[in-house]
Amino acid sequence: MKRLSILFVALLFLSGCTTTPSAISKGELVDCSSLSVNPSVQGTQLDCLDGSAGIFIEALRGPAIVNVWGSWCGPCQDEIPLFVDFYSRAKDKLVLVGIDVEEAQITDGRHFVETRGITWPNLYDPDGRTASSLGMGVPITYFVDAQGVTVYKKIGVITSVKELEELTQKYLGISI
């Protein structure tokens, strides 16, 4: 009986350590109207993932971090929790915007946002047409200054919140 009690307590403890969808904070589809853009710049129009009016991605003004992802991309899935943590502390200092690329269906990207704790605006690029203007793959993260100039392009996965904070300090001059 004692052995059964110990096993039961161990199982209760371990069940609290799992990462289930209910343990992940709920995300939301955010309207893109809050994004700062230069109205005189045109380029590649991307719709907002929530269905609202999109922007010309080349017109984005910062300071901003642009994270390019796809729900089908394993490394993108790995780095999103880092961005969620980072954004919870950085949202008053800069803009974070995602670009969801090459989804089979827009609902795949929307579901990813809603189930991964993402609470920043996301644009939708169903056919990868921004690749010609930004030269992107996934994951890739751009750091954009206040004038809209891409000051750094991180190719590949962000591996820690510390790395994201250091890049933000180095390229945007913002301490988080």
N, C-alpha and C. Protein backbone atom coordinates (compact mmCIF):
# COMPACT_ATOMS: atom_id res chain seq x y z
N MET A 1 0.82 -1.19 0.00
CA MET A 1 0.00 0.00 0.00
C MET A 1 0.86 1.26 0.00
N LYS A 2 1.95 1.20 0.80
CA LYS A 2 2.85 2.34 0.87
C LYS A 2 3.48 2.61 -0.50
N ARG A 3 3.85 1.54 -1.20
CA ARG A 3 4.45 1.67 -2.52
C ARG A 3 3.47 2.31 -3.51
N LEU A 4 2.21 1.94 -3.42
CA LEU A 4 1.17 2.50 -4.27
C LEU A 4 0.98 3.98 -3.99
N SER A 5 1.04 4.38 -2.74
CA SER A 5 0.90 5.80 -2.37
C SER A 5 2.06 6.61 -2.93
N ILE A 6 3.27 6.08 -2.84
CA ILE A 6 4.45 6.78 -3.37
C ILE A 6 4.33 6.92 -4.88
N LEU A 7 3.90 5.86 -5.55
CA LEU A 7 3.72 5.90 -6.99
C LEU A 7 2.67 6.94 -7.38
N PHE A 8 1.57 6.99 -6.64
CA PHE A 8 0.51 7.96 -6.91
C PHE A 8 1.02 9.39 -6.76
N VAL A 9 1.76 9.68 -5.70
CA VAL A 9 2.31 11.02 -5.47
C VAL A 9 3.30 11.37 -6.58
N ALA A 10 4.13 10.42 -6.99
CA ALA A 10 5.09 10.67 -8.06
C ALA A 10 4.38 10.99 -9.37
N LEU A 11 3.32 10.25 -9.67
CA LEU A 11 2.56 10.51 -10.90
C LEU A 11 1.90 11.88 -10.86
N LEU A 12 1.36 12.27 -9.71
CA LEU A 12 0.77 13.61 -9.58
C LEU A 12 1.82 14.68 -9.81
N PHE A 13 2.99 14.50 -9.24
CA PHE A 13 4.07 15.47 -9.40
C PHE A 13 4.49 15.58 -10.86
N LEU A 14 4.70 14.44 -11.50
CA LEU A 14 5.14 14.44 -12.90
C LEU A 14 4.09 15.00 -13.84
N SER A 15 2.82 14.77 -13.55
CA SER A 15 1.77 15.31 -14.42
C SER A 15 1.77 16.83 -14.41
N GLY A 16 2.21 17.43 -13.33
CA GLY A 16 2.31 18.89 -13.25
C GLY A 16 3.48 19.44 -14.02
N CYS A 17 4.41 18.58 -14.43
CA CYS A 17 5.61 19.02 -15.15
C CYS A 17 5.47 18.95 -16.65
N THR A 18 4.38 18.44 -17.15
CA THR A 18 4.23 18.32 -18.59
C THR A 18 3.78 19.62 -19.21
N THR A 19 4.11 19.78 -20.49
CA THR A 19 3.68 20.96 -21.23
C THR A 19 2.54 20.53 -22.15
N THR A 20 1.35 20.72 -21.69
CA THR A 20 0.18 20.41 -22.49
C THR A 20 -0.37 21.70 -23.05
N PRO A 21 -1.22 21.63 -24.07
CA PRO A 21 -1.80 22.85 -24.61
C PRO A 21 -2.45 23.72 -23.54
N SER A 22 -3.02 23.12 -22.51
CA SER A 22 -3.65 23.93 -21.47
C SER A 22 -2.62 24.67 -20.62
N ALA A 23 -1.36 24.17 -20.58
CA ALA A 23 -0.32 24.81 -19.79
C ALA A 23 0.31 25.99 -20.54
N ILE A 24 0.09 26.07 -21.83
CA ILE A 24 0.64 27.15 -22.64
C ILE A 24 -0.36 28.29 -22.65
N SER A 25 0.14 29.50 -22.48
CA SER A 25 -0.78 30.64 -22.47
C SER A 25 -1.50 30.76 -23.81
N LYS A 26 -2.71 31.23 -23.75
CA LYS A 26 -3.53 31.37 -24.95
C LYS A 26 -3.04 32.56 -25.77
N GLY A 27 -2.92 32.36 -27.06
CA GLY A 27 -2.55 33.44 -27.96
C GLY A 27 -3.79 34.12 -28.51
N GLU A 28 -3.56 35.17 -29.28
CA GLU A 28 -4.69 35.87 -29.89
C GLU A 28 -4.26 36.46 -31.23
N LEU A 29 -5.21 36.50 -32.14
CA LEU A 29 -4.98 37.14 -33.43
C LEU A 29 -5.10 38.64 -33.23
N VAL A 30 -4.01 39.36 -33.47
CA VAL A 30 -3.94 40.80 -33.18
C VAL A 30 -4.07 41.59 -34.48
N ASP A 31 -4.89 42.62 -34.44
CA ASP A 31 -5.07 43.55 -35.56
C ASP A 31 -3.73 44.23 -35.87
N CYS A 32 -3.43 44.44 -37.13
CA CYS A 32 -2.15 45.02 -37.55
C CYS A 32 -2.17 46.54 -37.63
N SER A 33 -3.28 47.18 -37.25
CA SER A 33 -3.37 48.64 -37.36
C SER A 33 -2.40 49.36 -36.43
N SER A 34 -1.89 48.66 -35.42
CA SER A 34 -0.95 49.28 -34.49
C SER A 34 0.46 49.40 -35.06
N LEU A 35 0.73 48.75 -36.18
CA LEU A 35 2.07 48.79 -36.76
C LEU A 35 2.37 50.16 -37.36
N SER A 36 3.55 50.68 -37.06
CA SER A 36 3.97 51.98 -37.58
C SER A 36 4.57 51.79 -38.97
N VAL A 37 4.01 52.51 -39.94
CA VAL A 37 4.48 52.40 -41.32
C VAL A 37 4.68 53.78 -41.93
N ASN A 38 5.54 53.84 -42.93
CA ASN A 38 5.74 55.05 -43.71
C ASN A 38 4.75 54.97 -44.88
N PRO A 39 3.73 55.83 -44.90
CA PRO A 39 2.69 55.72 -45.93
C PRO A 39 3.18 55.99 -47.35
N SER A 40 4.35 56.59 -47.49
CA SER A 40 4.85 56.88 -48.84
C SER A 40 5.62 55.71 -49.44
N VAL A 41 5.87 54.67 -48.65
CA VAL A 41 6.61 53.50 -49.13
C VAL A 41 5.63 52.41 -49.55
N GLN A 42 5.86 51.87 -50.73
CA GLN A 42 5.06 50.74 -51.19
C GLN A 42 5.98 49.56 -51.45
N GLY A 43 5.40 48.43 -51.70
CA GLY A 43 6.20 47.24 -51.94
C GLY A 43 5.31 46.02 -51.94
N THR A 44 5.66 45.04 -51.13
CA THR A 44 4.93 43.79 -51.06
C THR A 44 3.84 43.89 -50.01
N GLN A 45 2.59 43.85 -50.45
CA GLN A 45 1.44 43.94 -49.54
C GLN A 45 1.20 42.58 -48.90
N LEU A 46 1.14 42.58 -47.57
CA LEU A 46 0.79 41.37 -46.84
C LEU A 46 -0.45 41.63 -46.01
N ASP A 47 -1.37 40.69 -46.02
CA ASP A 47 -2.58 40.80 -45.20
C ASP A 47 -2.23 40.45 -43.76
N CYS A 48 -3.04 40.96 -42.86
CA CYS A 48 -2.89 40.62 -41.45
C CYS A 48 -3.50 39.23 -41.23
N LEU A 49 -2.86 38.42 -40.43
CA LEU A 49 -3.34 37.05 -40.20
C LEU A 49 -4.73 37.03 -39.57
N ASP A 50 -5.11 38.12 -38.88
CA ASP A 50 -6.44 38.16 -38.26
C ASP A 50 -7.54 38.53 -39.26
N GLY A 51 -7.16 38.85 -40.50
CA GLY A 51 -8.13 39.21 -41.51
C GLY A 51 -8.29 40.71 -41.71
N SER A 52 -7.68 41.52 -40.85
CA SER A 52 -7.76 42.98 -41.01
C SER A 52 -6.78 43.45 -42.08
N ALA A 53 -6.84 44.75 -42.37
CA ALA A 53 -5.97 45.32 -43.41
C ALA A 53 -4.51 45.07 -43.07
N GLY A 54 -3.75 44.74 -44.08
CA GLY A 54 -2.34 44.48 -43.90
C GLY A 54 -1.49 45.71 -44.19
N ILE A 55 -0.22 45.48 -44.45
CA ILE A 55 0.72 46.58 -44.71
C ILE A 55 1.67 46.18 -45.84
N PHE A 56 2.35 47.19 -46.37
CA PHE A 56 3.51 46.93 -47.22
C PHE A 56 4.66 46.65 -46.26
N ILE A 57 5.22 45.47 -46.30
CA ILE A 57 6.24 45.10 -45.32
C ILE A 57 7.45 46.03 -45.38
N GLU A 58 7.77 46.55 -46.55
CA GLU A 58 8.90 47.47 -46.68
C GLU A 58 8.65 48.81 -46.00
N ALA A 59 7.39 49.11 -45.68
CA ALA A 59 7.03 50.38 -45.05
C ALA A 59 7.09 50.33 -43.53
N LEU A 60 7.36 49.16 -42.95
CA LEU A 60 7.38 49.02 -41.50
C LEU A 60 8.46 49.89 -40.88
N ARG A 61 8.11 50.56 -39.82
CA ARG A 61 9.05 51.38 -39.05
C ARG A 61 9.23 50.77 -37.67
N GLY A 62 10.38 50.98 -37.11
CA GLY A 62 10.69 50.38 -35.82
C GLY A 62 10.77 51.41 -34.71
N PRO A 63 11.43 51.07 -33.67
CA PRO A 63 12.20 49.84 -33.57
C PRO A 63 11.28 48.61 -33.58
N ALA A 64 11.69 47.64 -34.37
CA ALA A 64 10.86 46.45 -34.54
C ALA A 64 11.72 45.21 -34.75
N ILE A 65 11.15 44.11 -34.37
CA ILE A 65 11.72 42.80 -34.66
C ILE A 65 10.68 42.07 -35.50
N VAL A 66 11.12 41.54 -36.63
CA VAL A 66 10.24 40.80 -37.54
C VAL A 66 10.69 39.35 -37.53
N ASN A 67 9.83 38.47 -37.06
CA ASN A 67 10.15 37.04 -37.00
C ASN A 67 9.34 36.32 -38.07
N VAL A 68 10.05 35.64 -38.96
CA VAL A 68 9.42 34.91 -40.06
C VAL A 68 9.32 33.44 -39.64
N TRP A 69 8.10 32.91 -39.72
CA TRP A 69 7.85 31.57 -39.23
C TRP A 69 6.81 30.85 -40.08
N GLY A 70 6.70 29.56 -39.86
CA GLY A 70 5.63 28.75 -40.42
C GLY A 70 5.24 27.71 -39.39
N SER A 71 3.98 27.40 -39.29
CA SER A 71 3.55 26.42 -38.29
C SER A 71 4.12 25.04 -38.59
N TRP A 72 4.51 24.80 -39.82
CA TRP A 72 5.05 23.52 -40.27
C TRP A 72 6.56 23.40 -39.99
N CYS A 73 7.18 24.47 -39.51
CA CYS A 73 8.63 24.55 -39.33
C CYS A 73 9.01 24.18 -37.89
N GLY A 74 9.69 23.05 -37.71
CA GLY A 74 10.10 22.60 -36.38
C GLY A 74 10.93 23.61 -35.61
N PRO A 75 12.00 24.18 -36.20
CA PRO A 75 12.78 25.19 -35.48
C PRO A 75 11.96 26.43 -35.12
N CYS A 76 10.99 26.79 -35.96
CA CYS A 76 10.10 27.92 -35.64
C CYS A 76 9.28 27.60 -34.40
N GLN A 77 8.78 26.38 -34.32
CA GLN A 77 8.01 25.96 -33.16
C GLN A 77 8.86 26.03 -31.89
N ASP A 78 10.15 25.69 -32.03
CA ASP A 78 11.05 25.70 -30.88
C ASP A 78 11.31 27.11 -30.36
N GLU A 79 11.41 28.09 -31.27
CA GLU A 79 11.79 29.43 -30.82
C GLU A 79 10.60 30.29 -30.38
N ILE A 80 9.39 29.95 -30.75
CA ILE A 80 8.23 30.78 -30.39
C ILE A 80 8.10 30.98 -28.88
N PRO A 81 8.29 29.97 -28.03
CA PRO A 81 8.19 30.23 -26.59
C PRO A 81 9.20 31.29 -26.11
N LEU A 82 10.35 31.37 -26.75
CA LEU A 82 11.34 32.39 -26.39
C LEU A 82 10.82 33.78 -26.74
N PHE A 83 10.19 33.90 -27.90
CA PHE A 83 9.60 35.18 -28.30
C PHE A 83 8.44 35.57 -27.38
N VAL A 84 7.65 34.60 -26.96
CA VAL A 84 6.54 34.88 -26.04
C VAL A 84 7.08 35.46 -24.74
N ASP A 85 8.11 34.83 -24.19
CA ASP A 85 8.74 35.31 -22.96
C ASP A 85 9.34 36.70 -23.17
N PHE A 86 10.10 36.86 -24.23
CA PHE A 86 10.74 38.14 -24.54
C PHE A 86 9.70 39.26 -24.69
N TYR A 87 8.64 38.99 -25.45
CA TYR A 87 7.64 40.02 -25.73
C TYR A 87 6.89 40.45 -24.47
N SER A 88 6.73 39.55 -23.53
CA SER A 88 6.03 39.92 -22.30
C SER A 88 6.76 41.04 -21.56
N ARG A 89 8.08 41.16 -21.77
CA ARG A 89 8.87 42.20 -21.13
C ARG A 89 9.25 43.34 -22.07
N ALA A 90 9.15 43.12 -23.37
CA ALA A 90 9.64 44.11 -24.34
C ALA A 90 8.54 44.90 -25.04
N LYS A 91 7.28 44.52 -24.86
CA LYS A 91 6.19 45.09 -25.67
C LYS A 91 6.02 46.59 -25.52
N ASP A 92 6.50 47.18 -24.44
CA ASP A 92 6.40 48.63 -24.28
C ASP A 92 7.60 49.37 -24.87
N LYS A 93 8.58 48.63 -25.38
CA LYS A 93 9.81 49.25 -25.88
C LYS A 93 10.01 49.11 -27.38
N LEU A 94 9.35 48.14 -27.99
CA LEU A 94 9.51 47.90 -29.42
C LEU A 94 8.31 47.17 -29.97
N VAL A 95 8.30 47.03 -31.28
CA VAL A 95 7.24 46.29 -31.97
C VAL A 95 7.77 44.92 -32.35
N LEU A 96 6.98 43.91 -32.13
CA LEU A 96 7.28 42.58 -32.62
C LEU A 96 6.19 42.22 -33.61
N VAL A 97 6.60 41.78 -34.78
CA VAL A 97 5.63 41.37 -35.79
C VAL A 97 6.10 40.05 -36.41
N GLY A 98 5.17 39.16 -36.62
CA GLY A 98 5.49 37.90 -37.26
C GLY A 98 5.03 37.89 -38.70
N ILE A 99 5.69 37.08 -39.50
CA ILE A 99 5.24 36.82 -40.87
C ILE A 99 5.10 35.31 -41.02
N ASP A 100 3.89 34.86 -41.17
CA ASP A 100 3.58 33.45 -41.36
C ASP A 100 3.68 33.15 -42.85
N VAL A 101 4.59 32.26 -43.22
CA VAL A 101 4.83 32.00 -44.65
C VAL A 101 4.44 30.58 -45.05
N GLU A 102 3.97 30.50 -46.28
CA GLU A 102 3.77 29.25 -47.01
C GLU A 102 2.95 28.20 -46.26
N GLU A 103 1.87 28.65 -45.62
CA GLU A 103 0.96 27.72 -44.97
C GLU A 103 0.07 27.05 -46.01
N ALA A 104 -0.31 25.81 -45.76
CA ALA A 104 -1.26 25.13 -46.63
C ALA A 104 -2.61 25.85 -46.60
N GLN A 105 -2.99 26.32 -45.40
CA GLN A 105 -4.23 27.06 -45.22
C GLN A 105 -4.01 28.13 -44.16
N ILE A 106 -4.68 29.26 -44.30
CA ILE A 106 -4.54 30.34 -43.32
C ILE A 106 -4.95 29.88 -41.93
N THR A 107 -5.87 28.94 -41.85
CA THR A 107 -6.31 28.45 -40.54
C THR A 107 -5.17 27.75 -39.78
N ASP A 108 -4.19 27.20 -40.51
CA ASP A 108 -3.04 26.58 -39.84
C ASP A 108 -2.25 27.62 -39.06
N GLY A 109 -1.99 28.77 -39.69
CA GLY A 109 -1.27 29.85 -39.02
C GLY A 109 -2.07 30.43 -37.87
N ARG A 110 -3.35 30.62 -38.09
CA ARG A 110 -4.21 31.16 -37.02
C ARG A 110 -4.24 30.24 -35.81
N HIS A 111 -4.36 28.95 -36.07
CA HIS A 111 -4.36 27.97 -34.97
C HIS A 111 -3.03 28.01 -34.22
N PHE A 112 -1.93 28.12 -34.94
CA PHE A 112 -0.60 28.20 -34.33
C PHE A 112 -0.52 29.39 -33.38
N VAL A 113 -0.97 30.56 -33.85
CA VAL A 113 -0.96 31.78 -33.02
C VAL A 113 -1.80 31.57 -31.76
N GLU A 114 -2.99 31.05 -31.93
CA GLU A 114 -3.94 30.92 -30.82
C GLU A 114 -3.52 29.88 -29.79
N THR A 115 -2.69 28.92 -30.18
CA THR A 115 -2.32 27.85 -29.25
C THR A 115 -0.88 27.96 -28.74
N ARG A 116 -0.13 28.97 -29.17
CA ARG A 116 1.27 29.10 -28.76
C ARG A 116 1.56 30.33 -27.91
N GLY A 117 0.53 31.05 -27.51
CA GLY A 117 0.74 32.21 -26.65
C GLY A 117 1.18 33.46 -27.38
N ILE A 118 1.04 33.50 -28.69
CA ILE A 118 1.47 34.65 -29.50
C ILE A 118 0.44 35.77 -29.35
N THR A 119 0.91 36.96 -28.96
CA THR A 119 0.00 38.09 -28.72
C THR A 119 0.47 39.36 -29.44
N TRP A 120 1.18 39.21 -30.53
CA TRP A 120 1.62 40.35 -31.33
C TRP A 120 1.07 40.20 -32.74
N PRO A 121 1.07 41.29 -33.53
CA PRO A 121 0.53 41.22 -34.89
C PRO A 121 1.32 40.26 -35.77
N ASN A 122 0.61 39.57 -36.63
CA ASN A 122 1.23 38.66 -37.59
C ASN A 122 0.65 38.90 -38.97
N LEU A 123 1.54 38.95 -39.94
CA LEU A 123 1.16 39.09 -41.34
C LEU A 123 1.13 37.72 -41.97
N TYR A 124 0.47 37.62 -43.11
CA TYR A 124 0.29 36.33 -43.77
C TYR A 124 0.82 36.39 -45.20
N ASP A 125 1.75 35.50 -45.49
CA ASP A 125 2.36 35.40 -46.82
C ASP A 125 2.18 33.96 -47.31
N PRO A 126 1.02 33.67 -47.92
CA PRO A 126 0.70 32.28 -48.26
C PRO A 126 1.60 31.65 -49.31
N ASP A 127 2.16 32.46 -50.19
CA ASP A 127 2.95 31.88 -51.28
C ASP A 127 4.43 32.24 -51.23
N GLY A 128 4.88 32.87 -50.16
CA GLY A 128 6.30 33.20 -50.02
C GLY A 128 6.77 34.33 -50.91
N ARG A 129 5.85 35.21 -51.36
CA ARG A 129 6.22 36.27 -52.30
C ARG A 129 7.18 37.29 -51.70
N THR A 130 7.25 37.38 -50.37
CA THR A 130 8.18 38.33 -49.76
C THR A 130 9.62 37.86 -49.87
N ALA A 131 9.83 36.63 -50.25
CA ALA A 131 11.20 36.13 -50.38
C ALA A 131 12.01 36.97 -51.36
N SER A 132 11.37 37.48 -52.40
CA SER A 132 12.10 38.29 -53.37
C SER A 132 12.51 39.64 -52.79
N SER A 133 11.70 40.19 -51.89
CA SER A 133 12.06 41.50 -51.32
C SER A 133 12.90 41.38 -50.06
N LEU A 134 12.69 40.34 -49.28
CA LEU A 134 13.44 40.20 -48.03
C LEU A 134 14.47 39.08 -48.06
N GLY A 135 14.40 38.22 -49.05
CA GLY A 135 15.34 37.13 -49.15
C GLY A 135 15.25 36.18 -47.97
N MET A 136 14.04 35.79 -47.64
CA MET A 136 13.86 35.04 -46.40
C MET A 136 13.71 33.55 -46.59
N GLY A 137 14.02 32.87 -45.53
CA GLY A 137 13.71 31.47 -45.31
C GLY A 137 13.12 31.42 -43.91
N VAL A 138 13.00 30.26 -43.33
CA VAL A 138 12.49 30.21 -41.96
C VAL A 138 13.32 29.26 -41.12
N PRO A 139 13.49 29.56 -39.86
CA PRO A 139 13.16 30.85 -39.26
C PRO A 139 14.23 31.88 -39.59
N ILE A 140 13.80 33.10 -39.62
CA ILE A 140 14.71 34.23 -39.80
C ILE A 140 14.12 35.41 -39.05
N THR A 141 14.98 36.22 -38.48
CA THR A 141 14.53 37.34 -37.66
C THR A 141 15.27 38.60 -38.09
N TYR A 142 14.49 39.64 -38.35
CA TYR A 142 15.03 40.93 -38.78
C TYR A 142 14.90 41.94 -37.65
N PHE A 143 15.90 42.80 -37.53
CA PHE A 143 15.88 43.91 -36.58
C PHE A 143 15.81 45.18 -37.40
N VAL A 144 14.74 45.96 -37.19
CA VAL A 144 14.44 47.14 -38.02
C VAL A 144 14.50 48.39 -37.14
N ASP A 145 15.27 49.39 -37.59
CA ASP A 145 15.39 50.62 -36.79
C ASP A 145 14.21 51.56 -37.04
N ALA A 146 14.23 52.70 -36.37
CA ALA A 146 13.11 53.66 -36.43
C ALA A 146 12.87 54.21 -37.83
N GLN A 147 13.89 54.19 -38.68
CA GLN A 147 13.75 54.69 -40.05
C GLN A 147 13.27 53.60 -41.01
N GLY A 148 13.11 52.39 -40.52
CA GLY A 148 12.66 51.30 -41.36
C GLY A 148 13.79 50.54 -42.04
N VAL A 149 15.01 50.77 -41.60
CA VAL A 149 16.18 50.09 -42.17
C VAL A 149 16.43 48.79 -41.41
N THR A 150 16.59 47.71 -42.16
CA THR A 150 16.96 46.45 -41.53
C THR A 150 18.42 46.53 -41.15
N VAL A 151 18.68 46.54 -39.85
CA VAL A 151 20.05 46.71 -39.36
C VAL A 151 20.73 45.38 -39.06
N TYR A 152 19.95 44.31 -38.97
CA TYR A 152 20.54 42.99 -38.76
C TYR A 152 19.53 41.93 -39.17
N LYS A 153 20.07 40.84 -39.74
CA LYS A 153 19.26 39.70 -40.15
C LYS A 153 19.86 38.46 -39.50
N LYS A 154 19.12 37.83 -38.61
CA LYS A 154 19.55 36.60 -37.96
C LYS A 154 18.95 35.43 -38.72
N ILE A 155 19.80 34.69 -39.39
CA ILE A 155 19.35 33.53 -40.15
C ILE A 155 19.41 32.31 -39.22
N GLY A 156 18.31 31.62 -39.12
CA GLY A 156 18.26 30.44 -38.26
C GLY A 156 17.55 30.73 -36.95
N VAL A 157 17.51 29.72 -36.13
CA VAL A 157 16.73 29.76 -34.90
C VAL A 157 17.40 30.61 -33.82
N ILE A 158 16.58 31.36 -33.09
CA ILE A 158 17.01 32.04 -31.88
C ILE A 158 17.04 30.96 -30.80
N THR A 159 18.15 30.85 -30.07
CA THR A 159 18.30 29.72 -29.14
C THR A 159 18.01 30.05 -27.68
N SER A 160 17.91 31.34 -27.35
CA SER A 160 17.62 31.70 -25.96
C SER A 160 17.05 33.12 -25.89
N VAL A 161 16.36 33.40 -24.80
CA VAL A 161 15.87 34.76 -24.58
C VAL A 161 17.06 35.70 -24.43
N LYS A 162 18.11 35.22 -23.79
CA LYS A 162 19.32 36.04 -23.62
C LYS A 162 19.87 36.47 -24.98
N GLU A 163 19.92 35.55 -25.94
CA GLU A 163 20.39 35.89 -27.29
C GLU A 163 19.52 36.98 -27.90
N LEU A 164 18.22 36.86 -27.76
CA LEU A 164 17.29 37.84 -28.30
C LEU A 164 17.49 39.20 -27.63
N GLU A 165 17.68 39.20 -26.33
CA GLU A 165 17.93 40.45 -25.60
C GLU A 165 19.24 41.10 -26.04
N GLU A 166 20.29 40.28 -26.21
CA GLU A 166 21.59 40.82 -26.63
C GLU A 166 21.53 41.39 -28.04
N LEU A 167 20.85 40.73 -28.95
CA LEU A 167 20.71 41.25 -30.32
C LEU A 167 19.90 42.54 -30.32
N THR A 168 18.88 42.61 -29.49
CA THR A 168 18.06 43.82 -29.40
C THR A 168 18.89 44.99 -28.88
N GLN A 169 19.71 44.74 -27.88
CA GLN A 169 20.58 45.78 -27.35
C GLN A 169 21.61 46.21 -28.40
N LYS A 170 22.23 45.26 -29.03
CA LYS A 170 23.31 45.55 -29.99
C LYS A 170 22.80 46.29 -31.22
N TYR A 171 21.69 45.85 -31.78
CA TYR A 171 21.25 46.40 -33.07
C TYR A 171 20.17 47.47 -32.98
N LEU A 172 19.40 47.48 -31.89
CA LEU A 172 18.36 48.49 -31.74
C LEU A 172 18.63 49.45 -30.58
N GLY A 173 19.66 49.14 -29.79
CA GLY A 173 20.01 50.01 -28.67
C GLY A 173 18.98 50.00 -27.55
N ILE A 174 18.25 48.90 -27.42
CA ILE A 174 17.18 48.80 -26.42
C ILE A 174 17.53 47.70 -25.43
N SER A 175 17.54 48.05 -24.16
CA SER A 175 17.77 47.06 -23.09
C SER A 175 16.43 46.52 -22.62
N ILE A 176 16.37 45.22 -22.50
CA ILE A 176 15.15 44.57 -22.03
C ILE A 176 15.44 43.96 -20.66
